[in-house]
N, C-alpha and C. Protein backbone atom coordinates (compact mmCIF):
# COMPACT_ATOMS: atom_id res chain seq x y z
N LEU A 1 111.37 135.41 69.38
CA LEU A 1 110.76 136.72 69.51
C LEU A 1 111.41 137.63 68.71
N GLU A 2 110.88 138.22 67.70
CA GLU A 2 111.50 139.21 66.67
C GLU A 2 110.98 140.58 67.10
N TYR A 3 111.93 141.54 67.24
CA TYR A 3 111.57 142.90 67.54
C TYR A 3 112.71 143.87 67.23
N LYS A 4 112.48 145.10 67.14
CA LYS A 4 113.47 146.14 66.89
C LYS A 4 113.33 147.24 67.82
N ILE A 5 114.39 147.73 68.43
CA ILE A 5 114.26 148.82 69.34
C ILE A 5 115.06 150.13 68.73
N ASP A 6 114.46 151.15 68.70
CA ASP A 6 115.03 152.41 68.14
C ASP A 6 115.09 153.43 69.28
N TYR A 7 116.27 154.10 69.37
CA TYR A 7 116.53 155.21 70.39
C TYR A 7 116.68 156.48 69.53
N LEU A 8 115.93 157.56 70.01
CA LEU A 8 116.20 158.86 69.46
C LEU A 8 116.68 159.73 70.53
N TYR A 9 117.76 160.49 70.28
CA TYR A 9 118.49 161.27 71.26
C TYR A 9 118.55 162.69 70.83
N GLN A 10 118.49 163.62 71.68
CA GLN A 10 118.86 165.03 71.52
C GLN A 10 120.00 165.32 72.44
N GLY A 11 121.18 165.40 71.80
CA GLY A 11 122.38 165.47 72.54
C GLY A 11 122.58 164.11 73.23
N ARG A 12 122.74 164.09 74.60
CA ARG A 12 122.90 162.90 75.33
C ARG A 12 121.51 162.47 76.06
N LEU A 13 120.44 163.15 75.80
CA LEU A 13 119.19 162.96 76.41
C LEU A 13 118.25 162.04 75.46
N LEU A 14 117.71 160.98 76.04
CA LEU A 14 116.87 160.11 75.30
C LEU A 14 115.52 160.84 75.06
N GLN A 15 115.13 161.08 73.85
CA GLN A 15 113.92 161.70 73.64
C GLN A 15 112.77 160.84 73.26
N GLU A 16 113.06 159.70 72.63
CA GLU A 16 112.04 158.80 72.23
C GLU A 16 112.61 157.34 72.07
N LEU A 17 111.69 156.40 72.54
CA LEU A 17 112.03 154.96 72.48
C LEU A 17 110.95 154.18 71.85
N ARG A 18 111.33 153.50 70.85
CA ARG A 18 110.29 152.76 70.06
C ARG A 18 110.71 151.28 69.99
N ILE A 19 109.66 150.29 70.35
CA ILE A 19 109.81 148.89 70.15
C ILE A 19 108.86 148.43 69.17
N GLU A 20 109.35 147.77 67.97
CA GLU A 20 108.45 147.24 67.11
C GLU A 20 108.54 145.78 66.92
N TYR A 21 107.41 145.09 67.13
CA TYR A 21 107.45 143.60 67.06
C TYR A 21 107.04 143.11 65.71
N SER A 22 107.50 141.93 65.31
CA SER A 22 107.07 141.33 64.06
C SER A 22 105.58 141.02 64.12
N ALA A 23 104.88 141.00 62.95
CA ALA A 23 103.47 140.72 63.02
C ALA A 23 103.09 139.41 63.60
N ARG A 24 103.97 138.38 63.43
CA ARG A 24 103.65 137.04 63.87
C ARG A 24 103.69 136.82 65.43
N THR A 25 104.25 137.88 66.11
CA THR A 25 104.36 137.77 67.59
C THR A 25 103.06 138.08 68.20
N GLY A 26 102.16 138.94 67.54
CA GLY A 26 100.83 139.25 68.08
C GLY A 26 101.05 140.31 69.16
N LEU A 27 102.17 140.87 69.33
CA LEU A 27 102.34 141.93 70.36
C LEU A 27 102.20 143.40 69.66
N SER A 28 101.76 144.33 70.51
CA SER A 28 101.55 145.63 70.04
C SER A 28 102.83 146.36 70.12
N ASN A 29 103.05 147.25 69.16
CA ASN A 29 104.32 148.12 69.20
C ASN A 29 104.23 149.19 70.30
N VAL A 30 105.30 149.66 70.80
CA VAL A 30 105.42 150.48 71.91
C VAL A 30 106.19 151.82 71.58
N LYS A 31 105.77 152.86 72.03
CA LYS A 31 106.52 154.28 71.85
C LYS A 31 106.41 154.96 73.17
N PHE A 32 107.60 155.47 73.59
CA PHE A 32 107.62 156.30 74.80
C PHE A 32 108.44 157.63 74.35
N THR A 33 107.89 158.71 74.90
CA THR A 33 108.66 159.97 74.77
C THR A 33 108.96 160.61 76.18
N TYR A 34 110.06 161.39 76.13
CA TYR A 34 110.58 161.91 77.50
C TYR A 34 110.87 163.49 77.40
N GLU A 35 110.47 164.09 78.39
CA GLU A 35 110.75 165.51 78.53
C GLU A 35 111.69 165.92 79.70
N TYR A 36 112.47 166.93 79.52
CA TYR A 36 113.38 167.20 80.59
C TYR A 36 113.34 168.71 81.00
N ASP A 37 113.88 168.96 82.28
CA ASP A 37 114.03 170.43 82.61
C ASP A 37 115.40 170.94 82.33
N PHE A 38 115.72 172.09 82.84
CA PHE A 38 117.04 172.61 82.49
C PHE A 38 118.05 172.00 83.05
N ASN A 39 117.92 171.19 84.16
CA ASN A 39 118.83 170.43 84.87
C ASN A 39 118.99 169.07 84.28
N MET A 40 118.44 168.74 83.15
CA MET A 40 118.37 167.54 82.50
C MET A 40 117.74 166.36 83.28
N ARG A 41 116.77 166.77 84.11
CA ARG A 41 116.01 165.70 84.77
C ARG A 41 114.70 165.49 84.10
N ILE A 42 114.21 164.15 84.05
CA ILE A 42 112.98 163.90 83.47
C ILE A 42 111.78 164.51 84.16
N THR A 43 110.97 165.23 83.31
CA THR A 43 109.75 165.90 83.93
C THR A 43 108.52 165.25 83.42
N LYS A 44 108.57 164.46 82.34
CA LYS A 44 107.39 163.93 81.82
C LYS A 44 107.77 162.70 80.93
N MET A 45 106.93 161.60 81.07
CA MET A 45 107.03 160.51 80.32
C MET A 45 105.58 160.18 79.66
N ALA A 46 105.62 160.06 78.39
CA ALA A 46 104.34 159.69 77.77
C ALA A 46 104.57 158.57 76.81
N GLY A 47 103.48 157.90 76.40
CA GLY A 47 103.67 156.74 75.54
C GLY A 47 102.37 156.20 74.91
N ARG A 48 102.66 155.26 74.06
CA ARG A 48 101.43 154.66 73.42
C ARG A 48 101.77 153.13 73.21
N ILE A 49 100.86 152.30 73.49
CA ILE A 49 100.99 150.89 73.36
C ILE A 49 99.92 150.42 72.26
N GLY A 50 100.44 150.09 71.13
CA GLY A 50 99.53 149.85 70.05
C GLY A 50 98.77 151.14 69.68
N GLY A 51 97.52 151.14 69.71
CA GLY A 51 96.77 152.44 69.44
C GLY A 51 96.23 153.09 70.72
N GLN A 52 96.60 152.53 71.86
CA GLN A 52 96.13 153.06 73.13
C GLN A 52 97.21 153.95 73.77
N LYS A 53 96.89 155.17 74.02
CA LYS A 53 97.73 156.06 74.76
C LYS A 53 97.87 155.78 76.16
N VAL A 54 99.10 155.91 76.66
CA VAL A 54 99.36 155.68 78.05
C VAL A 54 99.29 157.00 78.88
N LYS A 55 98.73 156.98 80.09
CA LYS A 55 98.56 158.27 80.82
C LYS A 55 99.96 158.86 81.07
N PRO A 56 100.19 160.15 80.75
CA PRO A 56 101.51 160.67 81.00
C PRO A 56 101.82 160.68 82.42
N LEU A 57 103.15 160.53 82.74
CA LEU A 57 103.65 160.51 84.03
C LEU A 57 104.55 161.87 84.23
N HIS A 58 104.10 162.65 85.14
CA HIS A 58 104.75 163.86 85.44
C HIS A 58 105.62 163.75 86.76
N ILE A 59 106.73 164.30 86.68
CA ILE A 59 107.70 164.28 87.82
C ILE A 59 108.19 165.79 88.24
N SER A 60 108.05 166.11 89.45
CA SER A 60 108.48 167.47 89.79
C SER A 60 109.51 167.27 90.94
N TYR A 61 110.34 168.38 91.17
CA TYR A 61 111.55 168.32 92.03
C TYR A 61 111.55 169.37 93.03
N SER A 62 112.17 169.14 94.18
CA SER A 62 112.43 170.26 95.09
C SER A 62 113.38 171.21 94.67
N SER A 63 113.09 172.55 94.81
CA SER A 63 114.05 173.54 94.45
C SER A 63 115.18 173.56 95.38
N ARG A 64 115.10 173.01 96.66
CA ARG A 64 116.13 173.05 97.67
C ARG A 64 117.00 171.88 97.43
N SER A 65 116.52 170.68 97.46
CA SER A 65 117.37 169.47 97.50
C SER A 65 117.56 168.99 96.03
N GLY A 66 116.70 169.23 95.14
CA GLY A 66 116.75 168.67 93.78
C GLY A 66 116.18 167.28 93.73
N GLU A 67 115.60 166.73 94.83
CA GLU A 67 115.01 165.40 94.76
C GLU A 67 113.59 165.44 94.38
N PRO A 68 113.10 164.41 93.70
CA PRO A 68 111.66 164.40 93.37
C PRO A 68 110.73 164.67 94.55
N THR A 69 109.67 165.41 94.37
CA THR A 69 108.66 165.63 95.26
C THR A 69 107.31 164.87 94.82
N THR A 70 107.06 164.85 93.56
CA THR A 70 105.95 164.20 93.04
C THR A 70 106.34 163.28 91.89
N ILE A 71 105.77 162.03 91.87
CA ILE A 71 105.98 161.09 90.73
C ILE A 71 104.57 160.65 90.38
N GLY A 72 104.00 161.19 89.29
CA GLY A 72 102.58 160.88 88.86
C GLY A 72 101.73 161.34 89.97
N ASN A 73 100.84 160.55 90.55
CA ASN A 73 99.97 160.75 91.61
C ASN A 73 100.57 160.50 93.03
N PHE A 74 101.87 160.19 93.12
CA PHE A 74 102.50 159.91 94.38
C PHE A 74 103.36 161.06 94.77
N LEU A 75 103.34 161.30 96.20
CA LEU A 75 104.18 162.18 96.87
C LEU A 75 105.41 161.45 97.38
N TYR A 76 106.56 162.12 97.08
CA TYR A 76 107.85 161.44 97.51
C TYR A 76 108.54 162.34 98.50
N ALA A 77 108.93 161.88 99.59
CA ALA A 77 109.65 162.69 100.62
C ALA A 77 110.77 161.89 101.09
N ARG A 78 111.95 162.57 101.54
CA ARG A 78 113.04 161.96 102.32
C ARG A 78 113.25 162.90 103.46
N SER A 79 112.61 162.40 104.61
CA SER A 79 112.68 163.14 105.83
C SER A 79 113.91 163.14 106.50
N GLN A 80 114.84 161.98 106.18
CA GLN A 80 116.13 162.00 106.79
C GLN A 80 117.01 161.34 105.66
N LEU A 81 118.22 161.42 105.84
CA LEU A 81 119.20 160.77 104.72
C LEU A 81 118.80 159.27 104.39
N ASN A 82 118.46 158.69 105.55
CA ASN A 82 118.23 157.12 105.27
C ASN A 82 116.75 156.81 105.35
N SER A 83 115.75 157.62 105.17
CA SER A 83 114.45 157.39 105.27
C SER A 83 113.63 158.06 104.12
N THR A 84 112.83 157.31 103.46
CA THR A 84 112.04 157.88 102.31
C THR A 84 110.66 157.40 102.48
N THR A 85 109.74 158.19 102.06
CA THR A 85 108.25 157.75 101.95
C THR A 85 107.65 158.07 100.64
N ILE A 86 106.68 157.21 100.27
CA ILE A 86 106.00 157.42 99.04
C ILE A 86 104.59 157.20 99.35
N GLN A 87 103.64 158.24 99.08
CA GLN A 87 102.27 158.11 99.48
C GLN A 87 101.32 158.64 98.42
N ASP A 88 100.02 158.25 98.43
CA ASP A 88 99.10 158.72 97.56
C ASP A 88 97.86 159.16 98.12
N GLY A 89 97.84 159.44 99.50
CA GLY A 89 96.66 159.76 100.20
C GLY A 89 95.91 158.58 100.72
N THR A 90 96.14 157.32 100.30
CA THR A 90 95.57 156.22 100.77
C THR A 90 96.62 155.32 101.49
N ALA A 91 97.63 155.05 100.75
CA ALA A 91 98.83 154.26 101.16
C ALA A 91 100.09 154.93 101.39
N ILE A 92 100.81 154.58 102.40
CA ILE A 92 102.13 155.16 102.62
C ILE A 92 103.16 154.00 102.65
N PHE A 93 104.19 154.18 101.80
CA PHE A 93 105.22 153.08 101.73
C PHE A 93 106.51 153.85 102.24
N THR A 94 107.09 153.18 103.29
CA THR A 94 108.26 153.75 103.92
C THR A 94 109.47 152.77 103.77
N ARG A 95 110.64 153.25 103.55
CA ARG A 95 111.94 152.49 103.41
C ARG A 95 112.95 153.27 104.12
N ASN A 96 113.70 152.48 105.04
CA ASN A 96 114.83 153.04 105.82
C ASN A 96 116.03 152.11 105.49
N THR A 97 117.17 152.83 105.48
CA THR A 97 118.36 152.11 105.21
C THR A 97 119.29 152.39 106.38
N ASP A 98 120.40 151.49 106.47
CA ASP A 98 121.37 151.72 107.51
C ASP A 98 122.46 152.60 107.06
N GLU A 99 123.56 152.58 107.94
CA GLU A 99 124.72 153.60 107.67
C GLU A 99 125.41 153.19 106.41
N HIS A 100 125.29 151.88 105.98
CA HIS A 100 125.96 151.41 104.70
C HIS A 100 124.84 151.62 103.47
N MET A 101 123.76 152.23 103.72
CA MET A 101 122.72 152.35 102.64
C MET A 101 122.11 151.12 102.28
N ARG A 102 122.15 150.14 103.12
CA ARG A 102 121.39 148.85 102.86
C ARG A 102 119.95 148.96 103.43
N VAL A 103 119.02 148.40 102.79
CA VAL A 103 117.72 148.49 103.21
C VAL A 103 117.54 147.61 104.52
N LYS A 104 117.08 148.32 105.62
CA LYS A 104 116.83 147.55 106.84
C LYS A 104 115.39 147.46 107.29
N PHE A 105 114.57 148.25 106.69
CA PHE A 105 113.21 148.33 107.14
C PHE A 105 112.31 148.81 105.97
N VAL A 106 111.23 148.20 105.80
CA VAL A 106 110.17 148.61 104.85
C VAL A 106 108.82 148.43 105.48
N SER A 107 107.86 149.29 105.20
CA SER A 107 106.51 149.17 105.70
C SER A 107 105.52 149.69 104.65
N LEU A 108 104.25 149.19 104.88
CA LEU A 108 103.15 149.76 103.98
C LEU A 108 101.94 149.83 105.00
N ASN A 109 101.48 151.16 105.03
CA ASN A 109 100.33 151.54 105.81
C ASN A 109 99.25 151.85 104.76
N ILE A 110 97.98 151.33 104.97
CA ILE A 110 96.78 151.64 104.32
C ILE A 110 95.81 152.17 105.16
N HIS A 111 95.37 153.39 104.87
CA HIS A 111 94.40 154.10 105.85
C HIS A 111 94.86 154.09 107.29
N ASN A 112 96.11 154.37 107.44
CA ASN A 112 96.87 154.53 108.64
C ASN A 112 96.93 153.16 109.49
N MET A 113 96.74 152.12 108.81
CA MET A 113 96.88 150.73 109.44
C MET A 113 98.03 150.03 108.79
N PRO A 114 99.06 149.63 109.63
CA PRO A 114 100.24 148.87 109.10
C PRO A 114 99.83 147.53 108.66
N VAL A 115 99.91 147.27 107.29
CA VAL A 115 99.47 146.02 106.71
C VAL A 115 100.66 145.14 106.35
N PHE A 116 101.89 145.68 106.24
CA PHE A 116 103.09 144.93 105.91
C PHE A 116 104.29 145.65 106.49
N THR A 117 105.10 144.93 107.33
CA THR A 117 106.42 145.48 107.81
C THR A 117 107.38 144.34 107.65
N GLN A 118 108.60 144.85 107.30
CA GLN A 118 109.64 143.87 107.07
C GLN A 118 110.95 144.48 107.59
N LYS A 119 111.69 143.68 108.47
CA LYS A 119 112.99 144.14 108.97
C LYS A 119 114.12 143.14 108.41
N ILE A 120 115.25 143.71 107.95
CA ILE A 120 116.21 142.87 107.44
C ILE A 120 117.60 143.09 108.12
N LYS A 121 118.26 142.00 108.34
CA LYS A 121 119.59 142.11 109.12
C LYS A 121 120.59 141.41 108.07
N TYR A 122 121.86 141.97 108.34
CA TYR A 122 123.02 141.59 107.51
C TYR A 122 124.15 140.98 108.36
N ASP A 123 124.94 140.03 107.77
CA ASP A 123 126.12 139.55 108.52
C ASP A 123 127.30 140.62 108.14
N ARG A 124 128.43 140.13 108.75
CA ARG A 124 129.61 141.11 108.57
C ARG A 124 130.11 140.98 107.13
N ASN A 125 129.67 140.04 106.30
CA ASN A 125 130.07 140.04 104.93
C ASN A 125 129.16 140.64 103.97
N ASN A 126 128.22 141.41 104.54
CA ASN A 126 127.24 142.16 103.82
C ASN A 126 126.11 141.23 103.13
N ARG A 127 125.92 140.10 103.63
CA ARG A 127 124.85 139.21 103.13
C ARG A 127 123.62 139.20 104.05
N ILE A 128 122.53 139.07 103.56
CA ILE A 128 121.30 138.99 104.29
C ILE A 128 121.38 137.83 105.18
N SER A 129 121.23 138.09 106.58
CA SER A 129 121.21 136.94 107.51
C SER A 129 119.80 136.67 108.19
N GLN A 130 118.89 137.66 108.01
CA GLN A 130 117.66 137.45 108.58
C GLN A 130 116.63 138.41 108.09
N ILE A 131 115.42 137.91 107.73
CA ILE A 131 114.38 138.78 107.30
C ILE A 131 113.15 138.35 108.19
N SER A 132 112.62 139.47 108.90
CA SER A 132 111.32 139.22 109.75
C SER A 132 110.25 139.96 109.06
N THR A 133 109.09 139.36 108.84
CA THR A 133 108.00 139.91 108.19
C THR A 133 106.73 139.98 109.01
N ILE A 134 105.95 140.95 109.13
CA ILE A 134 104.75 141.03 109.72
C ILE A 134 103.65 141.44 108.83
N THR A 135 102.66 140.73 108.61
CA THR A 135 101.43 141.06 107.85
C THR A 135 100.23 141.20 108.75
N THR A 136 99.32 142.19 108.30
CA THR A 136 98.18 142.47 109.20
C THR A 136 96.98 142.70 108.31
N SER A 137 95.86 142.25 108.64
CA SER A 137 94.57 142.60 107.95
C SER A 137 93.51 142.97 109.09
N TYR A 138 92.39 143.56 108.46
CA TYR A 138 91.32 143.86 109.45
C TYR A 138 90.67 142.70 109.97
N LEU A 139 90.71 141.48 109.38
CA LEU A 139 90.02 140.35 109.69
C LEU A 139 90.82 139.29 110.51
N ALA A 140 92.09 139.46 110.53
CA ALA A 140 92.99 138.50 111.23
C ALA A 140 94.06 139.12 112.07
N ARG A 141 94.69 138.35 112.97
CA ARG A 141 95.65 138.78 113.79
C ARG A 141 97.00 138.97 112.92
N PRO A 142 97.86 139.77 113.39
CA PRO A 142 99.09 139.91 112.82
C PRO A 142 99.83 138.73 112.67
N TYR A 143 100.35 138.39 111.35
CA TYR A 143 101.08 137.14 111.14
C TYR A 143 102.56 137.40 110.98
N THR A 144 103.37 136.85 111.91
CA THR A 144 104.85 137.02 111.80
C THR A 144 105.56 135.82 111.56
N TYR A 145 106.52 136.05 110.56
CA TYR A 145 107.44 134.82 110.23
C TYR A 145 108.74 135.37 109.94
N THR A 146 109.77 134.65 110.33
CA THR A 146 111.17 135.00 110.18
C THR A 146 111.94 133.95 109.45
N LYS A 147 112.81 134.36 108.56
CA LYS A 147 113.67 133.42 107.88
C LYS A 147 115.18 133.90 108.17
N ASN A 148 115.89 132.85 108.49
CA ASN A 148 117.36 132.94 108.74
C ASN A 148 118.11 132.36 107.55
N TYR A 149 119.17 133.14 107.09
CA TYR A 149 119.98 132.62 105.93
C TYR A 149 121.36 132.24 106.36
N THR A 150 121.72 130.97 105.76
CA THR A 150 123.11 130.55 106.19
C THR A 150 123.94 130.35 104.91
N TYR A 151 125.23 130.64 104.94
CA TYR A 151 126.12 130.51 103.74
C TYR A 151 127.23 129.62 104.10
N ASP A 152 127.86 129.11 102.98
CA ASP A 152 129.13 128.32 103.26
C ASP A 152 130.29 129.21 103.11
N ALA A 153 131.50 128.67 103.13
CA ALA A 153 132.71 129.30 103.24
C ALA A 153 133.00 130.06 101.90
N ASP A 154 132.25 129.72 100.91
CA ASP A 154 132.38 130.36 99.57
C ASP A 154 131.35 131.39 99.38
N GLY A 155 130.48 131.73 100.39
CA GLY A 155 129.51 132.74 100.27
C GLY A 155 128.32 132.17 99.58
N GLN A 156 128.10 130.85 99.32
CA GLN A 156 126.99 130.42 98.67
C GLN A 156 125.86 129.98 99.74
N LEU A 157 124.68 130.41 99.30
CA LEU A 157 123.50 130.14 100.26
C LEU A 157 123.16 128.66 100.35
N ILE A 158 123.30 128.23 101.50
CA ILE A 158 123.07 126.77 101.74
C ILE A 158 121.80 126.41 102.53
N SER A 159 121.16 127.34 103.20
CA SER A 159 119.91 127.01 103.91
C SER A 159 119.24 128.30 104.15
N VAL A 160 117.84 128.19 104.14
CA VAL A 160 116.93 129.20 104.60
C VAL A 160 116.02 128.58 105.63
N SER A 161 116.12 128.87 106.88
CA SER A 161 115.31 128.31 107.91
C SER A 161 114.10 129.16 108.22
N GLY A 162 112.97 128.55 108.70
CA GLY A 162 111.75 129.16 109.01
C GLY A 162 110.61 128.10 108.81
N LYS A 163 109.43 128.66 108.73
CA LYS A 163 108.28 127.88 108.56
C LYS A 163 108.27 127.03 107.29
N GLU A 164 108.95 127.47 106.31
CA GLU A 164 109.13 126.85 104.93
C GLU A 164 110.67 126.75 104.68
N PRO A 165 111.35 125.71 105.30
CA PRO A 165 112.79 125.63 105.11
C PRO A 165 113.20 125.25 103.74
N TRP A 166 114.35 125.81 103.33
CA TRP A 166 114.97 125.48 102.05
C TRP A 166 116.50 125.14 102.24
N SER A 167 117.08 124.18 101.54
CA SER A 167 118.49 123.89 101.57
C SER A 167 119.05 123.75 100.19
N PHE A 168 120.33 124.03 100.03
CA PHE A 168 120.96 123.94 98.72
C PHE A 168 122.40 123.31 98.96
N SER A 169 122.74 122.58 97.74
CA SER A 169 124.09 122.03 97.76
C SER A 169 124.69 122.34 96.39
N TYR A 170 126.09 122.37 96.46
CA TYR A 170 126.77 122.69 95.20
C TYR A 170 127.98 121.82 94.92
N ASP A 171 128.51 121.74 93.69
CA ASP A 171 129.66 120.98 93.36
C ASP A 171 130.85 121.85 93.56
N ASN A 172 131.97 121.28 93.26
CA ASN A 172 133.35 121.98 93.43
C ASN A 172 133.45 123.21 92.56
N ASN A 173 132.61 123.38 91.49
CA ASN A 173 132.66 124.41 90.57
C ASN A 173 131.66 125.55 90.92
N GLY A 174 130.97 125.26 92.00
CA GLY A 174 129.99 126.23 92.47
C GLY A 174 128.54 126.14 91.86
N ASN A 175 128.41 125.03 91.04
CA ASN A 175 127.08 124.85 90.49
C ASN A 175 126.17 124.18 91.46
N MET A 176 124.96 124.74 91.67
CA MET A 176 123.96 124.14 92.56
C MET A 176 123.55 122.80 91.98
N ILE A 177 123.64 121.68 92.76
CA ILE A 177 123.37 120.33 92.32
C ILE A 177 122.13 119.85 93.02
N SER A 178 121.55 120.51 93.94
CA SER A 178 120.32 120.19 94.52
C SER A 178 119.61 121.30 95.29
N LEU A 179 118.31 121.13 95.35
CA LEU A 179 117.68 122.17 96.26
C LEU A 179 116.57 121.32 96.93
N THR A 180 116.37 121.54 98.17
CA THR A 180 115.41 120.83 98.97
C THR A 180 114.40 121.86 99.55
N TYR A 181 113.11 121.72 99.30
CA TYR A 181 112.09 122.51 99.89
C TYR A 181 111.22 121.53 100.77
N SER A 182 111.14 121.83 101.95
CA SER A 182 110.40 120.94 102.88
C SER A 182 111.02 119.51 102.80
N THR A 183 110.30 118.56 102.31
CA THR A 183 110.91 117.14 102.07
C THR A 183 111.06 116.92 100.61
N ASN A 184 110.93 117.85 99.76
CA ASN A 184 111.08 117.67 98.36
C ASN A 184 112.39 118.11 97.86
N THR A 185 113.19 117.22 97.23
CA THR A 185 114.45 117.59 96.72
C THR A 185 114.52 117.43 95.19
N ILE A 186 115.08 118.37 94.52
CA ILE A 186 115.18 118.54 93.03
C ILE A 186 116.74 118.43 92.84
N PRO A 187 117.12 117.44 92.06
CA PRO A 187 118.59 117.30 91.62
C PRO A 187 118.89 118.06 90.46
N MET A 188 120.12 118.45 90.18
CA MET A 188 120.48 119.12 88.97
C MET A 188 121.84 118.51 88.44
N LYS A 189 122.03 118.58 87.11
CA LYS A 189 123.17 117.98 86.64
C LYS A 189 123.79 118.98 85.48
N TYR A 190 125.08 118.93 85.38
CA TYR A 190 125.70 119.91 84.47
C TYR A 190 126.67 119.06 83.51
N ASN A 191 127.01 119.69 82.40
CA ASN A 191 127.99 119.13 81.45
C ASN A 191 129.40 119.51 81.80
N GLU A 192 130.36 119.19 80.95
CA GLU A 192 131.69 119.64 81.28
C GLU A 192 131.94 121.08 81.12
N GLU A 193 131.09 121.79 80.43
CA GLU A 193 131.17 123.31 80.32
C GLU A 193 130.35 123.96 81.39
N ASP A 194 129.91 123.21 82.42
CA ASP A 194 129.25 123.82 83.60
C ASP A 194 127.82 124.38 83.17
N LYS A 195 127.38 123.91 82.04
CA LYS A 195 125.95 124.29 81.70
C LYS A 195 124.98 123.18 82.13
N ILE A 196 123.94 123.61 82.71
CA ILE A 196 122.88 122.77 83.25
C ILE A 196 122.25 121.92 82.14
N ILE A 197 122.21 120.65 82.42
CA ILE A 197 121.54 119.73 81.40
C ILE A 197 120.28 118.96 81.96
N ARG A 198 120.19 119.10 83.24
CA ARG A 198 119.04 118.43 83.82
C ARG A 198 118.61 119.16 85.15
N PHE A 199 117.43 119.43 85.19
CA PHE A 199 116.75 120.03 86.44
C PHE A 199 115.54 119.18 86.78
N GLY A 200 115.73 118.30 87.80
CA GLY A 200 114.70 117.40 88.21
C GLY A 200 114.49 116.48 87.03
N GLU A 201 113.33 116.21 86.58
CA GLU A 201 113.09 115.44 85.41
C GLU A 201 113.12 116.07 84.06
N GLY A 202 113.47 117.43 84.17
CA GLY A 202 113.51 118.22 82.90
C GLY A 202 114.86 118.18 82.33
N VAL A 203 115.00 118.35 80.94
CA VAL A 203 116.25 118.26 80.28
C VAL A 203 116.57 119.55 79.42
N TYR A 204 117.70 120.05 79.65
CA TYR A 204 118.20 121.20 78.85
C TYR A 204 119.08 120.66 77.65
N LYS A 205 118.84 121.23 76.42
CA LYS A 205 119.74 120.95 75.37
C LYS A 205 120.33 122.18 74.76
N TYR A 206 121.41 122.05 74.13
CA TYR A 206 121.97 123.26 73.47
C TYR A 206 122.43 122.95 72.10
N ASN A 207 122.55 124.08 71.20
CA ASN A 207 122.93 123.87 69.83
C ASN A 207 124.49 123.99 69.88
N SER A 208 124.99 124.11 68.69
CA SER A 208 126.47 124.09 68.44
C SER A 208 127.03 125.46 68.89
N ARG A 209 126.20 126.38 68.95
CA ARG A 209 126.67 127.75 69.31
C ARG A 209 126.45 127.95 70.81
N GLY A 210 125.93 126.99 71.49
CA GLY A 210 125.86 127.09 72.88
C GLY A 210 124.58 127.72 73.49
N PHE A 211 123.58 127.92 72.66
CA PHE A 211 122.21 128.48 72.87
C PHE A 211 121.30 127.33 73.33
N ILE A 212 120.51 127.66 74.35
CA ILE A 212 119.48 126.57 74.71
C ILE A 212 118.43 126.49 73.58
N VAL A 213 118.22 125.12 73.21
CA VAL A 213 117.16 124.84 72.24
C VAL A 213 116.06 124.12 72.84
N GLN A 214 116.29 123.55 74.09
CA GLN A 214 115.26 122.87 74.86
C GLN A 214 115.40 123.14 76.27
N ASN A 215 114.41 123.66 76.97
CA ASN A 215 114.53 123.84 78.45
C ASN A 215 113.83 122.79 79.23
N ALA A 216 113.89 122.95 80.54
CA ALA A 216 113.32 121.85 81.28
C ALA A 216 111.81 121.93 81.55
N ARG A 217 111.16 122.73 80.83
CA ARG A 217 109.71 122.80 81.09
C ARG A 217 109.01 121.51 80.55
C-alpha cells in the first residue's frame, strides 16, 4: 500500500492532515482540518474524503470544569469523578471506573431500556479476572453470560472459562504454541528468532530483512 501523510501545524497545534494514496490503490485521498479555542482545545473537525465532504464535528466545553459537554450530536457528562455518560436523546451510554480508574461497569440504554450491561472484575495483579455481560431485547429474555480469566505465573492468559471456553499454551520463550476453542486446537510453530512460521495449516515466510512476505491466509 503506497500513501503519503502530510501534517500542517500552526505552532504546536495540528491544523491540517492529508493522506494521499497512489492511483493504483483505488483509495480516495483524505483531508482533515482542525480548529481550536483559546485554551488550545479542539472545537471543530472538518474533512473531505475524495470529493465528498465529511459533516463537521463540533466540540464544546464546560466553563467550570473544562470538560467536553457536547461532541457533535452527543451530550457528554461526568456526574462523578468515576462516572461518565454520553447520550443523543435516544441512547445513553454509561461508563464507571473504580478507584484505580479501571473500567468496572458499562451499560447502554435505548429508549430507557437497558440493552447491554457489562461488569468487569480484576485480580490483585491488575488483570481482568471476570467479565459478566447481560444483553436484553424487546423480543427475548435477558441473556447473561460470564467469562472467567486465568493466568500462569508469568502473567500469560491460559484459559477463558464460560459457555465458549478457550485455552492457551506457551513455550519457554513466551510464544503461544497452541490455542484451543471448544474441542478445536490450532498449533503454532516459531523459528529460532521467535518469529511465527506456522499457524495451524497456514505458513508464514520472511525475506532477508525480516519482513513477512507470506502470511497464513
